[in-house]
Amino acid sequence: MGEHRKEVEAKDVSRFTRQSKKSAEEQLHKSAITDHVTRENHVIDWNQVKVVGHESDRRTRWIKEAIAIRKCKDKCMNRDTGSYFLPSSYDKLLLREPAHSHGNDTSRRRVDKQF
């Protein structure tokens, strides 16, 4: 979060002239968040930002990040899929709607009895 904030704050969009805004819009920044801020003139409320997870192990963090990006689909600002390549074969599992459990689920028992 600190890296994103530092880069966004380095681009003071309130001082953009039309020409400098156009130039900033054409530039690809390190962070997709900075791209969004410069293109949409969006002000981020950093007090409302939440870290979605912590992980000290780098490889596990990369996997968790790839899963989180894949699960959020079109609601994310990410321009890539993360540092870990997550095969598309996981999409059916990751993108499915959660099943609603009603405590006494008899549908599973009916299926089991058929076999």
C-alpha atoms as a PDB file:
ATOM      1  CA  MET A   1       0.000   0.000   0.000  1.00  0.00           C
ATOM      2  CA  GLY A   2       2.864   2.330   0.796  1.00  0.00           C
ATOM      3  CA  GLU A   3       4.368   1.970  -2.676  1.00  0.00           C
ATOM      4  CA  HIS A   4       1.029   2.718  -4.337  1.00  0.00           C
ATOM      5  CA  ARG A   5       0.407   5.733  -2.135  1.00  0.00           C
ATOM      6  CA  LYS A   6       3.900   7.154  -2.675  1.00  0.00           C
ATOM      7  CA  GLU A   7       3.590   6.945  -6.458  1.00  0.00           C
ATOM      8  CA  VAL A   8       0.051   8.409  -6.487  1.00  0.00           C
ATOM      9  CA  GLU A   9       1.035  11.294  -4.235  1.00  0.00           C
ATOM     10  CA  ALA A  10       4.036  12.053  -6.455  1.00  0.00           C
ATOM     11  CA  LYS A  11       1.523  12.804  -9.226  1.00  0.00           C
ATOM     12  CA  ASP A  12      -0.323  15.842  -7.925  1.00  0.00           C
ATOM     13  CA  VAL A  13      -3.258  15.701 -10.361  1.00  0.00           C
ATOM     14  CA  SER A  14      -4.822  18.861  -8.976  1.00  0.00           C
ATOM     15  CA  ARG A  15      -2.026  20.875 -10.612  1.00  0.00           C
ATOM     16  CA  PHE A  16      -2.379  19.376 -14.079  1.00  0.00           C
ATOM     17  CA  THR A  17      -2.846  21.684 -17.003  1.00  0.00           C
ATOM     18  CA  ARG A  18      -4.740  20.219 -19.961  1.00  0.00           C
ATOM     19  CA  GLN A  19      -1.488  19.409 -21.733  1.00  0.00           C
ATOM     20  CA  SER A  20       0.237  17.862 -18.712  1.00  0.00           C
ATOM     21  CA  LYS A  21      -2.923  15.802 -17.946  1.00  0.00           C
ATOM     22  CA  LYS A  22      -2.944  14.514 -21.529  1.00  0.00           C
ATOM     23  CA  SER A  23       0.724  13.609 -21.223  1.00  0.00           C
ATOM     24  CA  ALA A  24       0.110  11.836 -17.889  1.00  0.00           C
ATOM     25  CA  GLU A  25      -2.782   9.871 -19.390  1.00  0.00           C
ATOM     26  CA  GLU A  26      -0.522   8.548 -22.120  1.00  0.00           C
ATOM     27  CA  GLN A  27       2.147   7.465 -19.635  1.00  0.00           C
ATOM     28  CA  LEU A  28       2.056   3.947 -18.188  1.00  0.00           C
ATOM     29  CA  HIS A  29       2.917   4.131 -14.500  1.00  0.00           C
ATOM     30  CA  LYS A  30       4.338   1.417 -12.277  1.00  0.00           C
ATOM     31  CA  SER A  31       0.981   1.136 -10.516  1.00  0.00           C
ATOM     32  CA  ALA A  32      -2.403   0.667 -12.214  1.00  0.00           C
ATOM     33  CA  ILE A  33      -3.824   2.721  -9.340  1.00  0.00           C
ATOM     34  CA  THR A  34      -1.700   5.701 -10.412  1.00  0.00           C
ATOM     35  CA  ASP A  35      -2.927   5.239 -13.974  1.00  0.00           C
ATOM     36  CA  HIS A  36      -6.502   5.336 -12.700  1.00  0.00           C
ATOM     37  CA  VAL A  37      -5.899   8.446 -10.582  1.00  0.00           C
ATOM     38  CA  THR A  38      -4.296  10.391 -13.430  1.00  0.00           C
ATOM     39  CA  ARG A  39      -6.829   9.329 -16.061  1.00  0.00           C
ATOM     40  CA  GLU A  40      -9.974   9.693 -13.984  1.00  0.00           C
ATOM     41  CA  ASN A  41      -8.862  12.575 -11.741  1.00  0.00           C
ATOM     42  CA  HIS A  42      -9.803  10.307  -8.846  1.00  0.00           C
ATOM     43  CA  VAL A  43      -8.786  11.125  -5.286  1.00  0.00           C
ATOM     44  CA  ILE A  44      -8.116   8.052  -3.166  1.00  0.00           C
ATOM     45  CA  ASP A  45      -9.196   8.095   0.471  1.00  0.00           C
ATOM     46  CA  TRP A  46      -6.164   6.287   1.890  1.00  0.00           C
ATOM     47  CA  ASN A  47      -7.851   6.075   5.318  1.00  0.00           C
ATOM     48  CA  GLN A  48     -10.442   3.704   3.821  1.00  0.00           C
ATOM     49  CA  VAL A  49      -7.950   1.465   2.009  1.00  0.00           C
ATOM     50  CA  LYS A  50      -7.686  -2.072   3.390  1.00  0.00           C
ATOM     51  CA  VAL A  51      -4.944  -4.623   2.871  1.00  0.00           C
ATOM     52  CA  VAL A  52      -6.643  -7.839   1.735  1.00  0.00           C
ATOM     53  CA  GLY A  53      -4.014 -10.165   3.166  1.00  0.00           C
ATOM     54  CA  HIS A  54      -0.585 -10.629   4.653  1.00  0.00           C
ATOM     55  CA  GLU A  55       1.843 -13.409   3.846  1.00  0.00           C
ATOM     56  CA  SER A  56       5.507 -13.578   4.777  1.00  0.00           C
ATOM     57  CA  ASP A  57       6.382 -16.434   2.399  1.00  0.00           C
ATOM     58  CA  ARG A  58       6.963 -14.926  -1.038  1.00  0.00           C
ATOM     59  CA  ARG A  59       5.774 -17.892  -3.125  1.00  0.00           C
ATOM     60  CA  THR A  60       2.600 -18.319  -1.045  1.00  0.00           C
ATOM     61  CA  ARG A  61       1.972 -14.563  -1.280  1.00  0.00           C
ATOM     62  CA  TRP A  62       2.284 -14.705  -5.076  1.00  0.00           C
ATOM     63  CA  ILE A  63      -0.193 -17.592  -5.253  1.00  0.00           C
ATOM     64  CA  LYS A  64      -2.677 -15.845  -2.949  1.00  0.00           C
ATOM     65  CA  GLU A  65      -2.346 -12.669  -5.008  1.00  0.00           C
ATOM     66  CA  ALA A  66      -2.975 -14.539  -8.287  1.00  0.00           C
ATOM     67  CA  ILE A  67      -6.075 -16.184  -6.781  1.00  0.00           C
ATOM     68  CA  ALA A  68      -7.415 -12.870  -5.431  1.00  0.00           C
ATOM     69  CA  ILE A  69      -6.897 -11.148  -8.794  1.00  0.00           C
ATOM     70  CA  ARG A  70      -8.599 -13.996 -10.671  1.00  0.00           C
ATOM     71  CA  LYS A  71     -11.550 -14.038  -8.267  1.00  0.00           C
ATOM     72  CA  CYS A  72     -12.245 -10.311  -8.500  1.00  0.00           C
ATOM     73  CA  LYS A  73     -12.546 -10.477 -12.318  1.00  0.00           C
ATOM     74  CA  ASP A  74     -13.697  -7.127 -13.718  1.00  0.00           C
ATOM     75  CA  LYS A  75     -13.811  -5.328 -10.353  1.00  0.00           C
ATOM     76  CA  CYS A  76     -10.025  -4.936 -10.085  1.00  0.00           C
ATOM     77  CA  MET A  77      -7.619  -2.352 -11.392  1.00  0.00           C
ATOM     78  CA  ASN A  78      -4.844  -4.887 -11.925  1.00  0.00           C
ATOM     79  CA  ARG A  79      -3.303  -4.808 -15.369  1.00  0.00           C
ATOM     80  CA  ASP A  80      -1.754  -8.241 -14.971  1.00  0.00           C
ATOM     81  CA  THR A  81      -2.535 -11.544 -13.287  1.00  0.00           C
ATOM     82  CA  GLY A  82       0.136 -11.323 -10.601  1.00  0.00           C
ATOM     83  CA  SER A  83       3.617 -12.769 -10.169  1.00  0.00           C
ATOM     84  CA  TYR A  84       2.456 -16.392 -10.180  1.00  0.00           C
ATOM     85  CA  PHE A  85       1.021 -18.023 -13.301  1.00  0.00           C
ATOM     86  CA  LEU A  86      -2.275 -19.563 -12.277  1.00  0.00           C
ATOM     87  CA  PRO A  87      -3.551 -21.938 -14.980  1.00  0.00           C
ATOM     88  CA  SER A  88      -7.048 -21.234 -16.297  1.00  0.00           C
ATOM     89  CA  SER A  89      -8.068 -24.755 -15.252  1.00  0.00           C
ATOM     90  CA  TYR A  90      -8.639 -23.270 -11.769  1.00  0.00           C
ATOM     91  CA  ASP A  91     -11.218 -20.759 -13.070  1.00  0.00           C
ATOM     92  CA  LYS A  92     -14.195 -23.092 -12.697  1.00  0.00           C
ATOM     93  CA  LEU A  93     -13.364 -23.582  -9.033  1.00  0.00           C
ATOM     94  CA  LEU A  94     -12.411 -19.975  -8.269  1.00  0.00           C
ATOM     95  CA  LEU A  95     -15.182 -18.219 -10.171  1.00  0.00           C
ATOM     96  CA  ARG A  96     -18.140 -20.369  -9.159  1.00  0.00           C
ATOM     97  CA  GLU A  97     -20.841 -18.955  -6.948  1.00  0.00           C
ATOM     98  CA  PRO A  98     -20.668 -20.226  -3.372  1.00  0.00           C
ATOM     99  CA  ALA A  99     -23.206 -22.923  -2.558  1.00  0.00           C
ATOM    100  CA  HIS A 100     -25.798 -21.919   0.001  1.00  0.00           C
ATOM    101  CA  SER A 101     -26.004 -24.367   2.853  1.00  0.00           C
ATOM    102  CA  HIS A 102     -29.305 -24.618   4.652  1.00  0.00           C
ATOM    103  CA  GLY A 103     -28.139 -26.930   7.421  1.00  0.00           C
ATOM    104  CA  ASN A 104     -30.316 -29.915   6.495  1.00  0.00           C
ATOM    105  CA  ASP A 105     -29.260 -30.500   2.880  1.00  0.00           C
ATOM    106  CA  THR A 106     -31.177 -33.533   1.612  1.00  0.00           C
ATOM    107  CA  SER A 107     -30.203 -33.050  -2.055  1.00  0.00           C
ATOM    108  CA  ARG A 108     -26.804 -34.648  -1.425  1.00  0.00           C
ATOM    109  CA  ARG A 109     -28.387 -37.660   0.245  1.00  0.00           C
ATOM    110  CA  ARG A 110     -30.754 -38.178  -2.703  1.00  0.00           C
ATOM    111  CA  VAL A 111     -27.798 -38.184  -5.119  1.00  0.00           C
ATOM    112  CA  ASP A 112     -25.846 -40.598  -2.910  1.00  0.00           C
ATOM    113  CA  LYS A 113     -28.789 -43.045  -2.798  1.00  0.00           C
ATOM    114  CA  GLN A 114     -29.025 -43.137  -6.581  1.00  0.00           C
ATOM    115  CA  PHE A 115     -25.578 -44.680  -6.893  1.00  0.00           C
END
